[in-house]
């Protein structure tokens, strides 16, 4: 998988990262998982197959824009084909 697409989680999901109540570390991480589920579902609707056309690589913090560093969380997907990655990016941007 050669082509990478980093998507800001905050633009994809507004689900709280923790549910009310106890649970500690076991009650965390709902926002990025929600974003991954939404994106995977959308890409499936446009005919892309997980494991064939794209993979989830990671959740990462930080991005660089010029001299500015952002500590926002990103969902990182990889694609074998550049044109498929561009199609996915357009579909994701159109859902916002």
C-alpha atoms as a PDB file:
ATOM      1  CA  UNK A   1       0.000   0.000   0.000  1.00  0.00           C
ATOM      2  CA  UNK A   2       1.783   3.068  -1.250  1.00  0.00           C
ATOM      3  CA  UNK A   3      -0.670   5.951  -0.990  1.00  0.00           C
ATOM      4  CA  UNK A   4      -1.597   7.378   2.389  1.00  0.00           C
ATOM      5  CA  UNK A   5      -4.619   9.440   3.372  1.00  0.00           C
ATOM      6  CA  UNK A   6      -4.677  11.134   6.799  1.00  0.00           C
ATOM      7  CA  UNK A   7      -8.108  12.329   7.900  1.00  0.00           C
ATOM      8  CA  UNK A   8      -8.762  14.534  10.958  1.00  0.00           C
ATOM      9  CA  UNK A   9     -10.933  12.532  13.358  1.00  0.00           C
ATOM     10  CA  UNK A  10     -12.608  15.708  14.659  1.00  0.00           C
ATOM     11  CA  UNK A  11     -14.047  16.317  11.168  1.00  0.00           C
ATOM     12  CA  UNK A  12     -15.545  12.822  10.983  1.00  0.00           C
ATOM     13  CA  UNK A  13     -17.092  12.117  14.378  1.00  0.00           C
ATOM     14  CA  UNK A  14     -18.522  14.066  17.273  1.00  0.00           C
ATOM     15  CA  UNK A  15     -19.041  10.990  19.447  1.00  0.00           C
ATOM     16  CA  UNK A  16     -17.586  11.477  22.939  1.00  0.00           C
ATOM     17  CA  UNK A  17     -14.280   9.653  23.423  1.00  0.00           C
ATOM     18  CA  UNK A  18     -15.432   8.259  26.787  1.00  0.00           C
ATOM     19  CA  UNK A  19     -18.828   6.974  27.872  1.00  0.00           C
ATOM     20  CA  UNK A  20     -20.328   8.210  31.148  1.00  0.00           C
ATOM     21  CA  UNK A  21     -19.355   6.109  34.154  1.00  0.00           C
ATOM     22  CA  UNK A  22     -16.369   4.069  35.200  1.00  0.00           C
ATOM     23  CA  UNK A  23     -14.123   1.928  33.102  1.00  0.00           C
ATOM     24  CA  UNK A  24     -10.803   3.753  33.086  1.00  0.00           C
ATOM     25  CA  UNK A  25      -8.629   2.862  30.109  1.00  0.00           C
ATOM     26  CA  UNK A  26     -11.213   0.336  28.942  1.00  0.00           C
ATOM     27  CA  UNK A  27     -13.664   3.211  28.461  1.00  0.00           C
ATOM     28  CA  UNK A  28     -11.714   5.249  25.932  1.00  0.00           C
ATOM     29  CA  UNK A  29     -11.175   5.663  22.227  1.00  0.00           C
ATOM     30  CA  UNK A  30     -14.744   5.794  20.942  1.00  0.00           C
ATOM     31  CA  UNK A  31     -14.249   8.883  18.736  1.00  0.00           C
ATOM     32  CA  UNK A  32     -11.525   7.498  16.413  1.00  0.00           C
ATOM     33  CA  UNK A  33     -13.206   4.089  16.195  1.00  0.00           C
ATOM     34  CA  UNK A  34     -16.477   5.793  15.270  1.00  0.00           C
ATOM     35  CA  UNK A  35     -14.653   7.766  12.560  1.00  0.00           C
ATOM     36  CA  UNK A  36     -13.069   4.579  11.165  1.00  0.00           C
ATOM     37  CA  UNK A  37     -16.449   2.822  11.078  1.00  0.00           C
ATOM     38  CA  UNK A  38     -18.076   5.770   9.281  1.00  0.00           C
ATOM     39  CA  UNK A  39     -15.298   6.024   6.691  1.00  0.00           C
ATOM     40  CA  UNK A  40     -15.153   2.257   6.083  1.00  0.00           C
ATOM     41  CA  UNK A  41     -18.914   2.159   5.583  1.00  0.00           C
ATOM     42  CA  UNK A  42     -18.796   5.083   3.144  1.00  0.00           C
ATOM     43  CA  UNK A  43     -15.949   3.555   1.142  1.00  0.00           C
ATOM     44  CA  UNK A  44     -17.882   0.286   0.968  1.00  0.00           C
ATOM     45  CA  UNK A  45     -20.890   2.158  -0.401  1.00  0.00           C
ATOM     46  CA  UNK A  46     -18.782   3.487  -3.287  1.00  0.00           C
ATOM     47  CA  UNK A  47     -17.570  -0.033  -4.072  1.00  0.00           C
ATOM     48  CA  UNK A  48     -14.227  -0.141  -2.257  1.00  0.00           C
ATOM     49  CA  UNK A  49     -13.325  -3.271  -0.317  1.00  0.00           C
ATOM     50  CA  UNK A  50     -11.416  -3.228   2.953  1.00  0.00           C
ATOM     51  CA  UNK A  51      -8.274  -5.345   2.732  1.00  0.00           C
ATOM     52  CA  UNK A  52      -8.224  -5.118  -1.049  1.00  0.00           C
ATOM     53  CA  UNK A  53      -8.568  -1.439  -1.964  1.00  0.00           C
ATOM     54  CA  UNK A  54      -7.629   0.137   1.365  1.00  0.00           C
ATOM     55  CA  UNK A  55      -6.334  -0.630   4.845  1.00  0.00           C
ATOM     56  CA  UNK A  56      -6.443   1.169   8.162  1.00  0.00           C
ATOM     57  CA  UNK A  57      -2.846   1.919   9.149  1.00  0.00           C
ATOM     58  CA  UNK A  58      -3.145   3.813  12.412  1.00  0.00           C
ATOM     59  CA  UNK A  59      -4.521   6.601  14.526  1.00  0.00           C
ATOM     60  CA  UNK A  60      -1.858   9.285  14.830  1.00  0.00           C
ATOM     61  CA  UNK A  61      -1.533  12.563  16.650  1.00  0.00           C
ATOM     62  CA  UNK A  62      -0.123  15.637  14.997  1.00  0.00           C
ATOM     63  CA  UNK A  63       0.235  17.110  11.565  1.00  0.00           C
ATOM     64  CA  UNK A  64       2.418  19.777  10.050  1.00  0.00           C
ATOM     65  CA  UNK A  65       1.121  22.770   8.145  1.00  0.00           C
ATOM     66  CA  UNK A  66       4.068  24.987   7.312  1.00  0.00           C
ATOM     67  CA  UNK A  67       5.768  25.788  10.617  1.00  0.00           C
ATOM     68  CA  UNK A  68       2.672  24.951  12.680  1.00  0.00           C
ATOM     69  CA  UNK A  69       2.257  21.611  14.440  1.00  0.00           C
ATOM     70  CA  UNK A  70      -1.273  20.422  15.250  1.00  0.00           C
ATOM     71  CA  UNK A  71      -1.926  17.795  17.915  1.00  0.00           C
ATOM     72  CA  UNK A  72      -5.256  16.713  16.470  1.00  0.00           C
ATOM     73  CA  UNK A  73      -5.864  13.005  16.022  1.00  0.00           C
ATOM     74  CA  UNK A  74      -5.822  11.614  12.478  1.00  0.00           C
ATOM     75  CA  UNK A  75      -7.197   8.421  11.003  1.00  0.00           C
ATOM     76  CA  UNK A  76      -4.614   7.104   8.516  1.00  0.00           C
ATOM     77  CA  UNK A  77      -5.643   4.865   5.616  1.00  0.00           C
ATOM     78  CA  UNK A  78      -3.422   3.389   2.910  1.00  0.00           C
ATOM     79  CA  UNK A  79      -4.302   2.619  -0.690  1.00  0.00           C
ATOM     80  CA  UNK A  80      -2.556   0.581  -3.371  1.00  0.00           C
ATOM     81  CA  UNK A  81      -3.850   2.773  -6.190  1.00  0.00           C
ATOM     82  CA  UNK A  82      -3.486   6.564  -6.303  1.00  0.00           C
ATOM     83  CA  UNK A  83      -6.742   7.070  -8.226  1.00  0.00           C
ATOM     84  CA  UNK A  84      -8.679   4.962  -5.718  1.00  0.00           C
ATOM     85  CA  UNK A  85      -7.217   7.077  -2.912  1.00  0.00           C
ATOM     86  CA  UNK A  86      -8.333  10.257  -4.695  1.00  0.00           C
ATOM     87  CA  UNK A  87     -11.843   8.841  -5.197  1.00  0.00           C
ATOM     88  CA  UNK A  88     -12.003   7.936  -1.513  1.00  0.00           C
ATOM     89  CA  UNK A  89     -10.815  11.393  -0.496  1.00  0.00           C
ATOM     90  CA  UNK A  90     -13.496  13.050  -2.637  1.00  0.00           C
ATOM     91  CA  UNK A  91     -16.231  10.802  -1.230  1.00  0.00           C
ATOM     92  CA  UNK A  92     -15.137  11.490   2.356  1.00  0.00           C
ATOM     93  CA  UNK A  93     -14.942  15.246   1.769  1.00  0.00           C
ATOM     94  CA  UNK A  94     -18.424  15.240   0.241  1.00  0.00           C
ATOM     95  CA  UNK A  95     -19.945  13.715   3.411  1.00  0.00           C
ATOM     96  CA  UNK A  96     -18.860  16.659   5.594  1.00  0.00           C
END
